[in-house]
């Protein structure tokens, strides 16, 4: 770090303390002019930093009373490599702040990283093409002025590697153009529909000549809406992927599709089950490459899970377990020779399995009679006679009938989207309203100010049978856990149907 940067860090951290001491040292009868005089002396210290030799300028670490002073002097920082303008006006005065930013960055030919949230515009992007030819990182999150029309300027930033467009107006089509045209792009930040963008990339690149086809340079994948097909395309078109962060959808996602991602080093999973959703199996194969592992709202984490992590991930540098309920497991060997009525272990076990303790728990039992002579309800009578409260789970049915223009492609390769679509309808989720979390199954084509959809008329009927979560399958020596116990049938013509079911540890579609 250069002397100017070290000096700037010290001044920005010391100024709030100086001003705080000024406040505490003033007499209660002091006039405002006395306070302003002392504050101006403190603020003038920061003017020493205004030189072309400063390499890093971060407005987030700067006292607010200094920010306006530095905004007006941006043109003096021609040697900056890193500039973080933070939220600027927060999007309230974008038009007023635009000339100030334009005057400042026009002289920053060495700039490599720019953070400009809320207030970026097309004029600023257009200037960056010529004023900052070495720009590699650009964060313009939450800038409402950035839309698909801005993509033509972003494509001209040939050296860009990290581009943050979260909460902007750029849609799936815009991201698709960016992924195809930016040769060195490694990170586009969080975009929940990036999986659908990869589908469009796949369709578009296949129209190119074989010599013009190339893999994407993407290294970071962050999304809250992912299907198995998206993970397949990710492994196919993004061989350099090292970081994956996804929100698990237990209806359609099979985490085993992460295995083909050869260079995976950082894995972040949200809302899944460690055993039921095959996280353990993924770690068994990919754990040797992982250096960072993040679990958030992940269930079934117990001592066994931690042991598996330690065994499968020997090179792990960071392990984060956030908002996960740690489960204590107890293994009881009833045939243990030490488990006799005269031992303390027997007394503790009898106390732990007593009626008072078990009545505080909810037990779900799946039981089939050993032969036809045994009544299926006898197990319920047995526990009722012991004094337990028994509740029978009746089969519930829900019917949904509607007409829509947005449906997945009816094909066996898209069965995971079909299962998800039917599930959304049964849950009465909105799939038609235009909004930030819109689910679009049919790509839209923009023609001027109009949007067109290519649709087909199809009649179909489907039913989805859902059982209990985390159903164990197999015998006592070879027990397998599943994330759910369900199957799905989709009929769309007289002789055509699709079946989706869970088998063993992996969900297999047929």
Protein backbone atom coordinates (compact mmCIF):
# COMPACT_ATOMS: atom_id res chain seq x y z
CA UNK A 1 0.00 0.00 0.00
CA UNK A 2 1.32 3.42 -0.98
CA UNK A 3 1.93 6.16 1.58
CA UNK A 4 -1.08 8.18 0.34
CA UNK A 5 -3.40 5.20 0.83
CA UNK A 6 -2.11 4.50 4.33
CA UNK A 7 -2.48 8.18 5.20
CA UNK A 8 -6.05 8.22 3.85
CA UNK A 9 -7.01 5.19 5.93
CA UNK A 10 -5.65 6.82 9.09
CA UNK A 11 -7.34 10.17 8.43
CA UNK A 12 -10.77 8.68 7.65
CA UNK A 13 -10.69 6.54 10.78
CA UNK A 14 -9.44 9.38 13.01
CA UNK A 15 -11.78 12.17 11.86
CA UNK A 16 -14.96 10.82 13.55
CA UNK A 17 -13.04 10.58 16.83
CA UNK A 18 -11.74 14.14 16.42
CA UNK A 19 -15.22 15.51 15.78
CA UNK A 20 -16.59 13.52 18.71
CA UNK A 21 -13.98 15.08 21.00
CA UNK A 22 -14.89 18.52 19.67
CA UNK A 23 -18.53 17.89 20.60
CA UNK A 24 -17.64 16.74 24.10
CA UNK A 25 -15.20 19.60 24.69
CA UNK A 26 -17.63 22.40 23.83
CA UNK A 27 -19.25 24.35 26.62
CA UNK A 28 -23.02 24.25 26.86
CA UNK A 29 -23.07 28.01 26.26
CA UNK A 30 -20.84 27.83 23.16
CA UNK A 31 -22.18 29.36 19.95
CA UNK A 32 -22.50 27.46 16.66
CA UNK A 33 -19.72 29.46 14.99
CA UNK A 34 -17.22 28.16 17.54
CA UNK A 35 -18.23 24.56 16.81
CA UNK A 36 -18.06 25.06 13.01
CA UNK A 37 -14.65 26.68 13.27
CA UNK A 38 -13.17 23.66 15.04
CA UNK A 39 -14.91 21.19 12.71
CA UNK A 40 -13.60 23.03 9.63
CA UNK A 41 -10.07 22.67 10.96
CA UNK A 42 -10.60 18.91 11.30
CA UNK A 43 -12.21 18.59 7.87
CA UNK A 44 -9.41 20.54 6.19
CA UNK A 45 -7.04 17.72 7.17
CA UNK A 46 -8.74 15.52 4.59
CA UNK A 47 -7.87 17.92 1.77
CA UNK A 48 -4.29 16.68 2.01
CA UNK A 49 -5.46 13.48 0.30
CA UNK A 50 -6.66 15.23 -2.84
CA UNK A 51 -3.86 14.27 -5.20
CA UNK A 52 -3.33 12.09 -8.29
CA UNK A 53 -1.16 9.75 -6.20
CA UNK A 54 -4.06 8.26 -4.23
CA UNK A 55 -4.86 4.74 -5.47
CA UNK A 56 -7.90 3.73 -3.37
CA UNK A 57 -10.89 5.86 -2.38
CA UNK A 58 -13.77 4.34 -0.43
CA UNK A 59 -16.71 6.61 0.39
CA UNK A 60 -18.26 3.97 2.69
CA UNK A 61 -15.48 4.47 5.23
CA UNK A 62 -15.64 8.25 4.88
CA UNK A 63 -17.54 10.51 7.34
CA UNK A 64 -20.71 11.83 5.70
CA UNK A 65 -19.70 15.46 6.21
CA UNK A 66 -16.68 14.85 3.96
CA UNK A 67 -18.44 13.08 1.12
CA UNK A 68 -19.81 16.17 -0.62
CA UNK A 69 -16.37 17.77 -0.49
CA UNK A 70 -14.82 14.75 -2.24
CA UNK A 71 -17.67 14.41 -4.76
CA UNK A 72 -16.90 17.87 -6.10
CA UNK A 73 -13.15 17.11 -6.26
CA UNK A 74 -13.32 13.72 -8.02
CA UNK A 75 -11.49 15.09 -11.06
CA UNK A 76 -8.37 15.55 -8.92
CA UNK A 77 -8.05 11.78 -8.31
CA UNK A 78 -6.72 10.79 -11.72
CA UNK A 79 -4.53 7.99 -10.34
CA UNK A 80 -7.29 5.93 -8.71
CA UNK A 81 -7.36 2.15 -9.20
CA UNK A 82 -10.30 1.55 -6.86
CA UNK A 83 -13.29 3.89 -6.40
CA UNK A 84 -16.27 3.05 -4.20
CA UNK A 85 -18.91 5.78 -4.44
CA UNK A 86 -21.25 3.66 -2.32
CA UNK A 87 -24.94 4.55 -2.63
CA UNK A 88 -24.27 8.16 -3.69
CA UNK A 89 -27.77 9.73 -3.44
CA UNK A 90 -29.55 6.41 -2.89
CA UNK A 91 -31.36 6.83 -6.21
CA UNK A 92 -33.18 10.00 -5.15
CA UNK A 93 -31.06 12.51 -7.07
CA UNK A 94 -29.61 10.47 -9.93
CA UNK A 95 -29.96 13.26 -12.51
CA UNK A 96 -28.28 15.79 -10.21
CA UNK A 97 -25.36 13.50 -9.35
CA UNK A 98 -24.71 12.31 -12.92
CA UNK A 99 -22.69 15.41 -14.05
CA UNK A 100 -20.51 15.17 -10.94
CA UNK A 101 -19.68 11.52 -11.62
CA UNK A 102 -19.06 12.15 -15.33
CA UNK A 103 -16.59 14.96 -14.59
CA UNK A 104 -14.77 12.76 -12.10
CA UNK A 105 -14.30 9.49 -13.98
CA UNK A 106 -13.37 11.10 -17.30
CA UNK A 107 -9.80 11.52 -16.00
CA UNK A 108 -9.47 8.12 -14.25
CA UNK A 109 -7.75 6.16 -17.03
CA UNK A 110 -6.16 3.70 -14.56
CA UNK A 111 -9.42 2.75 -12.82
CA UNK A 112 -9.91 -1.03 -12.40
CA UNK A 113 -12.80 -1.20 -9.93
CA UNK A 114 -15.88 1.04 -9.67
CA UNK A 115 -18.76 0.70 -7.19
CA UNK A 116 -21.72 2.94 -7.99
CA UNK A 117 -24.98 1.68 -6.49
CA UNK A 118 -28.41 3.22 -7.13
CA UNK A 119 -27.27 6.12 -9.35
CA UNK A 120 -25.56 4.64 -12.41
CA UNK A 121 -26.90 5.72 -15.83
CA UNK A 122 -26.35 4.88 -19.50
CA UNK A 123 -24.30 8.06 -19.94
CA UNK A 124 -21.88 6.92 -17.25
CA UNK A 125 -21.56 3.47 -18.85
CA UNK A 126 -20.92 5.03 -22.24
CA UNK A 127 -18.12 7.17 -20.81
CA UNK A 128 -16.50 4.19 -19.08
CA UNK A 129 -15.78 2.60 -22.48
CA UNK A 130 -13.23 5.26 -23.38
CA UNK A 131 -12.28 6.82 -20.03
CA UNK A 132 -11.53 3.56 -18.15
CA UNK A 133 -10.18 0.99 -20.65
CA UNK A 134 -8.73 -1.25 -17.89
CA UNK A 135 -11.93 -1.57 -15.85
CA UNK A 136 -12.32 -5.14 -14.51
CA UNK A 137 -14.92 -4.82 -11.72
CA UNK A 138 -18.19 -2.88 -11.91
CA UNK A 139 -20.91 -2.88 -9.25
CA UNK A 140 -24.03 -0.94 -10.27
CA UNK A 141 -26.57 -2.84 -8.15
CA UNK A 142 -29.99 -1.27 -7.50
CA UNK A 143 -29.56 1.27 -10.31
CA UNK A 144 -33.07 1.52 -11.75
CA UNK A 145 -31.84 3.41 -14.82
CA UNK A 146 -29.96 0.31 -15.98
CA UNK A 147 -32.09 -1.82 -18.34
CA UNK A 148 -31.63 -4.09 -21.35
CA UNK A 149 -30.83 -0.96 -23.36
CA UNK A 150 -27.72 -0.53 -21.20
CA UNK A 151 -26.34 -3.92 -22.24
CA UNK A 152 -24.90 -2.48 -25.46
CA UNK A 153 -22.60 -0.25 -23.38
CA UNK A 154 -21.65 -3.04 -20.96
CA UNK A 155 -20.63 -5.31 -23.84
CA UNK A 156 -18.04 -2.72 -24.91
CA UNK A 157 -16.22 -3.11 -21.56
CA UNK A 158 -14.06 -5.90 -22.96
CA UNK A 159 -11.87 -6.44 -19.88
CA UNK A 160 -14.73 -6.70 -17.39
CA UNK A 161 -14.56 -9.74 -15.09
CA UNK A 162 -16.97 -8.96 -12.27
CA UNK A 163 -20.32 -7.31 -12.99
CA UNK A 164 -22.97 -6.80 -10.30
CA UNK A 165 -26.44 -6.04 -11.72
CA UNK A 166 -28.68 -7.21 -8.86
CA UNK A 167 -31.98 -5.28 -8.62
CA UNK A 168 -31.50 -3.52 -11.94
CA UNK A 169 -33.79 -3.65 -14.96
CA UNK A 170 -31.65 -6.14 -16.88
CA UNK A 171 -33.71 -9.26 -17.71
CA UNK A 172 -32.90 -12.80 -18.86
CA UNK A 173 -32.29 -11.65 -22.43
CA UNK A 174 -29.82 -9.01 -21.24
CA UNK A 175 -27.86 -11.47 -19.11
CA UNK A 176 -27.76 -13.89 -22.04
CA UNK A 177 -26.15 -11.27 -24.27
CA UNK A 178 -23.63 -10.41 -21.56
CA UNK A 179 -22.62 -14.04 -21.00
CA UNK A 180 -22.14 -14.62 -24.72
CA UNK A 181 -20.33 -11.39 -25.61
CA UNK A 182 -18.10 -10.71 -22.59
CA UNK A 183 -15.18 -13.11 -23.08
CA UNK A 184 -13.65 -12.70 -19.61
CA UNK A 185 -16.76 -12.37 -17.44
CA UNK A 186 -16.35 -14.48 -14.26
CA UNK A 187 -19.04 -13.19 -11.92
CA UNK A 188 -22.43 -11.59 -12.64
CA UNK A 189 -23.52 -11.56 -9.00
CA UNK A 190 -26.86 -12.88 -7.84
CA UNK A 191 -29.46 -13.38 -10.53
CA UNK A 192 -32.22 -15.85 -9.69
CA UNK A 193 -33.03 -16.53 -13.35
CA UNK A 194 -29.46 -17.14 -14.46
CA UNK A 195 -30.36 -20.79 -15.04
CA UNK A 196 -32.87 -19.74 -17.69
CA UNK A 197 -30.25 -17.44 -19.15
CA UNK A 198 -28.00 -20.50 -19.53
CA UNK A 199 -30.82 -22.23 -21.41
CA UNK A 200 -30.95 -19.32 -23.88
CA UNK A 201 -27.15 -19.39 -24.13
CA UNK A 202 -27.35 -23.09 -24.98
CA UNK A 203 -29.98 -22.46 -27.66
CA UNK A 204 -28.10 -19.47 -29.10
CA UNK A 205 -24.60 -20.97 -29.22
CA UNK A 206 -25.86 -24.10 -30.95
CA UNK A 207 -26.84 -21.90 -33.89
CA UNK A 208 -23.22 -20.76 -34.31
CA UNK A 209 -20.67 -22.47 -36.52
CA UNK A 210 -18.62 -25.04 -34.64
CA UNK A 211 -15.49 -22.88 -34.95
CA UNK A 212 -17.24 -19.92 -33.28
CA UNK A 213 -18.55 -21.87 -30.29
CA UNK A 214 -16.72 -21.34 -27.00
CA UNK A 215 -17.24 -22.14 -23.34
CA UNK A 216 -18.17 -19.38 -20.89
CA UNK A 217 -15.61 -17.98 -18.43
CA UNK A 218 -18.10 -17.82 -15.55
CA UNK A 219 -16.60 -18.81 -12.17
CA UNK A 220 -19.36 -17.77 -9.73
CA UNK A 221 -22.96 -19.01 -9.84
CA UNK A 222 -25.50 -17.51 -7.38
CA UNK A 223 -29.22 -18.16 -7.71
CA UNK A 224 -32.32 -18.94 -5.64
CA UNK A 225 -34.10 -20.69 -8.50
CA UNK A 226 -32.29 -23.70 -9.94
CA UNK A 227 -33.43 -26.89 -11.64
CA UNK A 228 -31.48 -30.01 -12.47
CA UNK A 229 -31.33 -28.96 -16.11
CA UNK A 230 -29.74 -25.67 -15.08
CA UNK A 231 -27.03 -27.52 -13.15
CA UNK A 232 -26.41 -29.72 -16.18
CA UNK A 233 -25.99 -26.66 -18.41
CA UNK A 234 -23.76 -25.06 -15.79
CA UNK A 235 -21.38 -28.02 -15.90
CA UNK A 236 -21.54 -28.09 -19.71
CA UNK A 237 -20.97 -24.42 -20.57
CA UNK A 238 -19.07 -23.16 -17.51
CA UNK A 239 -16.10 -25.51 -16.92
CA UNK A 240 -14.29 -22.85 -14.84
CA UNK A 241 -16.99 -22.63 -12.14
CA UNK A 242 -15.41 -22.57 -8.66
CA UNK A 243 -18.24 -21.09 -6.54
CA UNK A 244 -21.87 -22.24 -6.38
CA UNK A 245 -24.53 -20.73 -4.12
CA UNK A 246 -28.08 -21.98 -4.49
CA UNK A 247 -31.39 -22.23 -2.69
CA UNK A 248 -32.45 -25.86 -2.71
CA UNK A 249 -35.88 -26.70 -4.09
CA UNK A 250 -36.78 -30.13 -2.69
CA UNK A 251 -39.46 -30.67 -5.35
CA UNK A 252 -37.15 -30.80 -8.34
CA UNK A 253 -33.51 -30.42 -7.36
CA UNK A 254 -31.07 -33.31 -7.11
CA UNK A 255 -27.83 -32.02 -5.63
CA UNK A 256 -25.93 -34.93 -7.17
CA UNK A 257 -25.93 -32.85 -10.36
CA UNK A 258 -23.21 -30.74 -8.70
CA UNK A 259 -20.73 -33.59 -9.14
CA UNK A 260 -19.86 -32.85 -12.83
CA UNK A 261 -18.61 -29.38 -11.79
CA UNK A 262 -14.93 -30.35 -11.72
CA UNK A 263 -13.37 -27.19 -10.24
CA UNK A 264 -15.90 -26.57 -7.45
CA UNK A 265 -14.12 -25.07 -4.42
CA UNK A 266 -16.79 -22.97 -2.65
CA UNK A 267 -20.25 -24.39 -1.98
CA UNK A 268 -23.12 -22.51 -0.29
CA UNK A 269 -26.41 -24.33 0.26
CA UNK A 270 -29.63 -22.85 1.64
CA UNK A 271 -32.75 -24.67 2.86
CA UNK A 272 -32.02 -28.37 2.41
CA UNK A 273 -31.49 -31.59 4.39
CA UNK A 274 -27.99 -32.92 4.90
CA UNK A 275 -28.93 -36.59 4.49
CA UNK A 276 -32.30 -36.42 2.76
CA UNK A 277 -31.07 -34.24 -0.11
CA UNK A 278 -27.81 -36.13 -0.72
CA UNK A 279 -25.52 -33.40 0.62
CA UNK A 280 -23.42 -36.11 2.24
CA UNK A 281 -23.10 -37.94 -1.09
CA UNK A 282 -22.04 -34.73 -2.83
CA UNK A 283 -19.36 -34.09 -0.21
CA UNK A 284 -18.14 -37.67 -0.51
CA UNK A 285 -17.30 -37.05 -4.18
CA UNK A 286 -16.47 -33.31 -4.26
CA UNK A 287 -15.25 -32.72 -0.71
CA UNK A 288 -11.58 -33.26 -1.57
CA UNK A 289 -11.67 -30.08 -3.69
CA UNK A 290 -13.73 -27.88 -1.36
CA UNK A 291 -12.05 -25.09 0.60
CA UNK A 292 -15.15 -23.15 1.71
CA UNK A 293 -18.46 -24.67 2.81
CA UNK A 294 -21.51 -22.67 3.91
CA UNK A 295 -24.74 -24.17 5.27
CA UNK A 296 -27.76 -21.94 5.92
CA UNK A 297 -31.11 -23.29 7.17
CA UNK A 298 -29.84 -26.83 6.59
CA UNK A 299 -31.53 -29.55 8.64
CA UNK A 300 -30.31 -32.97 9.82
CA UNK A 301 -26.89 -31.68 10.90
CA UNK A 302 -25.74 -33.82 13.80
CA UNK A 303 -22.47 -35.25 15.07
CA UNK A 304 -22.43 -37.79 12.25
CA UNK A 305 -22.80 -35.00 9.69
CA UNK A 306 -19.84 -33.13 11.20
CA UNK A 307 -17.78 -36.32 11.12
CA UNK A 308 -18.60 -36.81 7.45
CA UNK A 309 -17.58 -33.21 6.70
CA UNK A 310 -14.25 -33.65 8.49
CA UNK A 311 -13.56 -36.88 6.61
CA UNK A 312 -14.68 -35.83 3.14
CA UNK A 313 -13.30 -32.24 3.17
CA UNK A 314 -9.66 -32.46 4.34
CA UNK A 315 -8.63 -29.10 2.80
CA UNK A 316 -11.54 -27.08 4.18
CA UNK A 317 -10.47 -23.58 5.26
CA UNK A 318 -13.88 -22.16 6.16
CA UNK A 319 -17.01 -23.89 7.50
CA UNK A 320 -20.11 -21.78 8.18
CA UNK A 321 -23.22 -23.24 9.81
CA UNK A 322 -25.84 -20.48 10.05
CA UNK A 323 -29.38 -20.90 11.42
CA UNK A 324 -29.09 -24.69 11.38
CA UNK A 325 -30.61 -26.76 14.18
CA UNK A 326 -27.92 -29.06 15.53
CA UNK A 327 -29.48 -32.46 16.19
CA UNK A 328 -28.21 -34.81 18.88
CA UNK A 329 -28.16 -38.47 17.85
CA UNK A 330 -28.31 -41.46 20.20
CA UNK A 331 -27.36 -44.96 19.09
CA UNK A 332 -28.82 -47.74 21.23
CA UNK A 333 -27.68 -51.33 20.85
CA UNK A 334 -30.39 -53.41 22.49
CA UNK A 335 -28.29 -56.57 22.18
CA UNK A 336 -25.39 -55.04 24.10
CA UNK A 337 -24.24 -57.43 26.84
CA UNK A 338 -23.81 -54.50 29.24
CA UNK A 339 -27.47 -53.51 28.89
CA UNK A 340 -28.88 -55.49 31.82
CA UNK A 341 -31.51 -54.54 34.37
CA UNK A 342 -28.90 -54.06 37.08
CA UNK A 343 -26.79 -51.45 35.25
CA UNK A 344 -27.04 -47.65 35.30
CA UNK A 345 -27.24 -47.65 31.48
CA UNK A 346 -30.44 -49.68 31.64
CA UNK A 347 -31.96 -47.28 34.19
CA UNK A 348 -31.06 -44.22 32.09
CA UNK A 349 -32.42 -45.86 28.94
CA UNK A 350 -35.68 -46.78 30.66
CA UNK A 351 -36.03 -43.23 31.95
CA UNK A 352 -35.23 -41.73 28.54
CA UNK A 353 -37.83 -43.87 26.79
CA UNK A 354 -40.47 -43.41 29.45
CA UNK A 355 -44.00 -42.35 28.65
CA UNK A 356 -43.48 -38.85 30.09
CA UNK A 357 -40.60 -38.22 27.68
CA UNK A 358 -42.13 -39.79 24.56
CA UNK A 359 -45.38 -37.87 25.01
CA UNK A 360 -43.44 -34.66 24.32
CA UNK A 361 -42.36 -35.95 20.90
CA UNK A 362 -44.16 -36.51 17.60
CA UNK A 363 -43.53 -39.96 16.13
CA UNK A 364 -44.48 -40.81 12.55
CA UNK A 365 -44.84 -44.57 12.02
CA UNK A 366 -44.97 -46.40 8.69
CA UNK A 367 -46.05 -49.98 9.29
CA UNK A 368 -47.30 -52.81 7.10
CA UNK A 369 -48.79 -56.00 8.59
CA UNK A 370 -46.57 -59.09 8.28
CA UNK A 371 -49.48 -61.04 6.76
CA UNK A 372 -53.13 -60.65 5.77
CA UNK A 373 -54.38 -62.01 9.09
CA UNK A 374 -53.12 -58.91 10.94
CA UNK A 375 -55.31 -55.82 10.80
CA UNK A 376 -53.43 -52.69 9.56
CA UNK A 377 -54.96 -50.62 12.37
CA UNK A 378 -53.67 -52.94 15.09
CA UNK A 379 -50.54 -50.81 15.50
CA UNK A 380 -52.76 -47.82 16.31
CA UNK A 381 -54.68 -49.85 18.90
CA UNK A 382 -51.42 -51.04 20.45
CA UNK A 383 -50.15 -47.50 21.12
CA UNK A 384 -53.62 -46.34 22.18
CA UNK A 385 -53.75 -49.10 24.81
CA UNK A 386 -50.38 -47.90 26.10
CA UNK A 387 -51.92 -44.48 26.73
CA UNK A 388 -50.42 -42.55 23.81
CA UNK A 389 -52.39 -40.09 21.73
CA UNK A 390 -52.66 -41.55 18.23
CA UNK A 391 -53.59 -39.52 15.15
CA UNK A 392 -54.30 -41.06 11.79
CA UNK A 393 -53.17 -39.10 8.74
CA UNK A 394 -55.93 -39.11 6.16
CA UNK A 395 -55.22 -38.72 2.48
CA UNK A 396 -55.90 -35.16 1.35
CA UNK A 397 -56.65 -34.20 -2.24
CA UNK A 398 -56.57 -30.82 -3.94
CA UNK A 399 -57.86 -30.02 -7.43
CA UNK A 400 -56.70 -27.15 -9.62
CA UNK A 401 -58.13 -26.24 -13.04
CA UNK A 402 -56.88 -23.29 -15.09
CA UNK A 403 -55.83 -21.99 -18.48
CA UNK A 404 -52.50 -20.28 -18.96
CA UNK A 405 -50.09 -19.12 -21.63
CA UNK A 406 -46.97 -19.83 -19.57
CA UNK A 407 -46.27 -23.56 -19.35
CA UNK A 408 -43.04 -25.53 -19.59
CA UNK A 409 -42.13 -27.38 -22.74
CA UNK A 410 -43.86 -30.77 -22.62
CA UNK A 411 -40.93 -33.10 -23.11
CA UNK A 412 -39.19 -35.73 -20.98
CA UNK A 413 -36.07 -33.53 -20.84
CA UNK A 414 -38.14 -30.79 -19.16
CA UNK A 415 -40.04 -33.00 -16.70
CA UNK A 416 -38.45 -31.23 -13.71
CA UNK A 417 -39.95 -27.92 -14.84
CA UNK A 418 -43.32 -29.61 -15.41
CA UNK A 419 -43.27 -31.04 -11.86
CA UNK A 420 -42.42 -27.61 -10.49
CA UNK A 421 -45.14 -25.92 -12.56
CA UNK A 422 -47.87 -28.29 -11.36
CA UNK A 423 -46.66 -27.84 -7.78
CA UNK A 424 -46.90 -24.05 -8.11
CA UNK A 425 -50.48 -24.34 -9.37
CA UNK A 426 -51.50 -26.65 -6.52
CA UNK A 427 -49.99 -24.18 -4.06
CA UNK A 428 -51.86 -21.37 -5.86
CA UNK A 429 -48.63 -19.48 -6.54
CA UNK A 430 -48.78 -16.59 -9.01
CA UNK A 431 -47.03 -17.30 -12.32
CA UNK A 432 -48.58 -14.63 -14.54
CA UNK A 433 -48.00 -11.27 -12.86
CA UNK A 434 -45.02 -9.32 -14.08
CA UNK A 435 -42.67 -8.81 -11.18
CA UNK A 436 -39.20 -9.35 -9.83
CA UNK A 437 -39.74 -13.06 -9.10
CA UNK A 438 -41.71 -13.90 -12.27
CA UNK A 439 -41.43 -17.50 -13.38
CA UNK A 440 -41.20 -17.54 -17.19
CA UNK A 441 -41.24 -20.90 -18.96
CA UNK A 442 -41.54 -19.53 -22.49
CA UNK A 443 -38.78 -17.13 -23.69
CA UNK A 444 -40.14 -13.74 -24.65
CA UNK A 445 -39.04 -11.98 -27.83
CA UNK A 446 -38.83 -8.18 -27.72
CA UNK A 447 -39.88 -6.38 -30.90
CA UNK A 448 -39.57 -2.65 -30.27
CA UNK A 449 -42.02 -1.85 -27.49
CA UNK A 450 -43.86 -5.17 -27.88
CA UNK A 451 -43.26 -8.62 -26.48
CA UNK A 452 -44.30 -11.79 -28.27
CA UNK A 453 -44.67 -15.38 -27.10
CA UNK A 454 -44.71 -18.53 -29.19
CA UNK A 455 -47.37 -20.84 -27.73
CA UNK A 456 -48.97 -24.18 -28.51
CA UNK A 457 -52.42 -25.46 -27.56
CA UNK A 458 -52.10 -28.53 -25.35
CA UNK A 459 -54.56 -30.30 -23.08
CA UNK A 460 -53.13 -32.28 -20.21
CA UNK A 461 -53.94 -33.73 -16.82
CA UNK A 462 -51.54 -34.50 -13.99
CA UNK A 463 -51.56 -35.72 -10.43
CA UNK A 464 -48.87 -35.43 -7.81
CA UNK A 465 -48.81 -37.71 -4.76
CA UNK A 466 -46.79 -36.41 -1.81
CA UNK A 467 -45.86 -38.46 1.24
CA UNK A 468 -43.88 -37.60 4.34
CA UNK A 469 -40.46 -35.97 4.25
CA UNK A 470 -37.24 -37.90 4.95
CA UNK A 471 -38.78 -41.33 4.46
CA UNK A 472 -36.29 -44.12 5.26
CA UNK A 473 -36.08 -46.94 2.73
CA UNK A 474 -34.32 -50.27 2.94
CA UNK A 475 -33.60 -52.74 5.70
CA UNK A 476 -32.02 -51.97 9.06
CA UNK A 477 -28.50 -52.64 7.78
CA UNK A 478 -28.81 -50.64 4.59
CA UNK A 479 -31.03 -47.70 5.45
CA UNK A 480 -31.45 -44.95 2.86
CA UNK A 481 -32.98 -41.55 3.47
CA UNK A 482 -34.91 -39.61 0.87
CA UNK A 483 -35.85 -35.96 0.82
CA UNK A 484 -39.47 -36.88 0.10
CA UNK A 485 -41.72 -39.81 -0.76
CA UNK A 486 -43.60 -38.84 -3.89
CA UNK A 487 -44.42 -39.64 -7.47
CA UNK A 488 -45.84 -37.62 -10.33
CA UNK A 489 -47.80 -38.63 -13.47
CA UNK A 490 -48.40 -36.28 -16.41
CA UNK A 491 -50.80 -37.29 -19.23
CA UNK A 492 -50.83 -35.09 -22.33
CA UNK A 493 -52.23 -37.30 -25.10
CA UNK A 494 -53.92 -40.64 -25.54
CA UNK A 495 -50.70 -42.67 -25.63
CA UNK A 496 -48.14 -40.29 -24.10
CA UNK A 497 -47.33 -39.78 -20.45
CA UNK A 498 -44.46 -38.77 -18.18
CA UNK A 499 -43.67 -40.29 -14.78
CA UNK A 500 -41.44 -38.75 -12.12
CA UNK A 501 -40.57 -40.63 -8.94
CA UNK A 502 -37.96 -40.81 -6.19
CA UNK A 503 -35.87 -43.96 -5.86
CA UNK A 504 -33.24 -44.64 -3.20
CA UNK A 505 -30.89 -41.76 -2.52
CA UNK A 506 -31.33 -40.20 -5.96
CA UNK A 507 -34.37 -38.77 -7.70
CA UNK A 508 -34.74 -40.40 -11.09
CA UNK A 509 -37.11 -39.19 -13.80
CA UNK A 510 -38.55 -41.63 -16.34
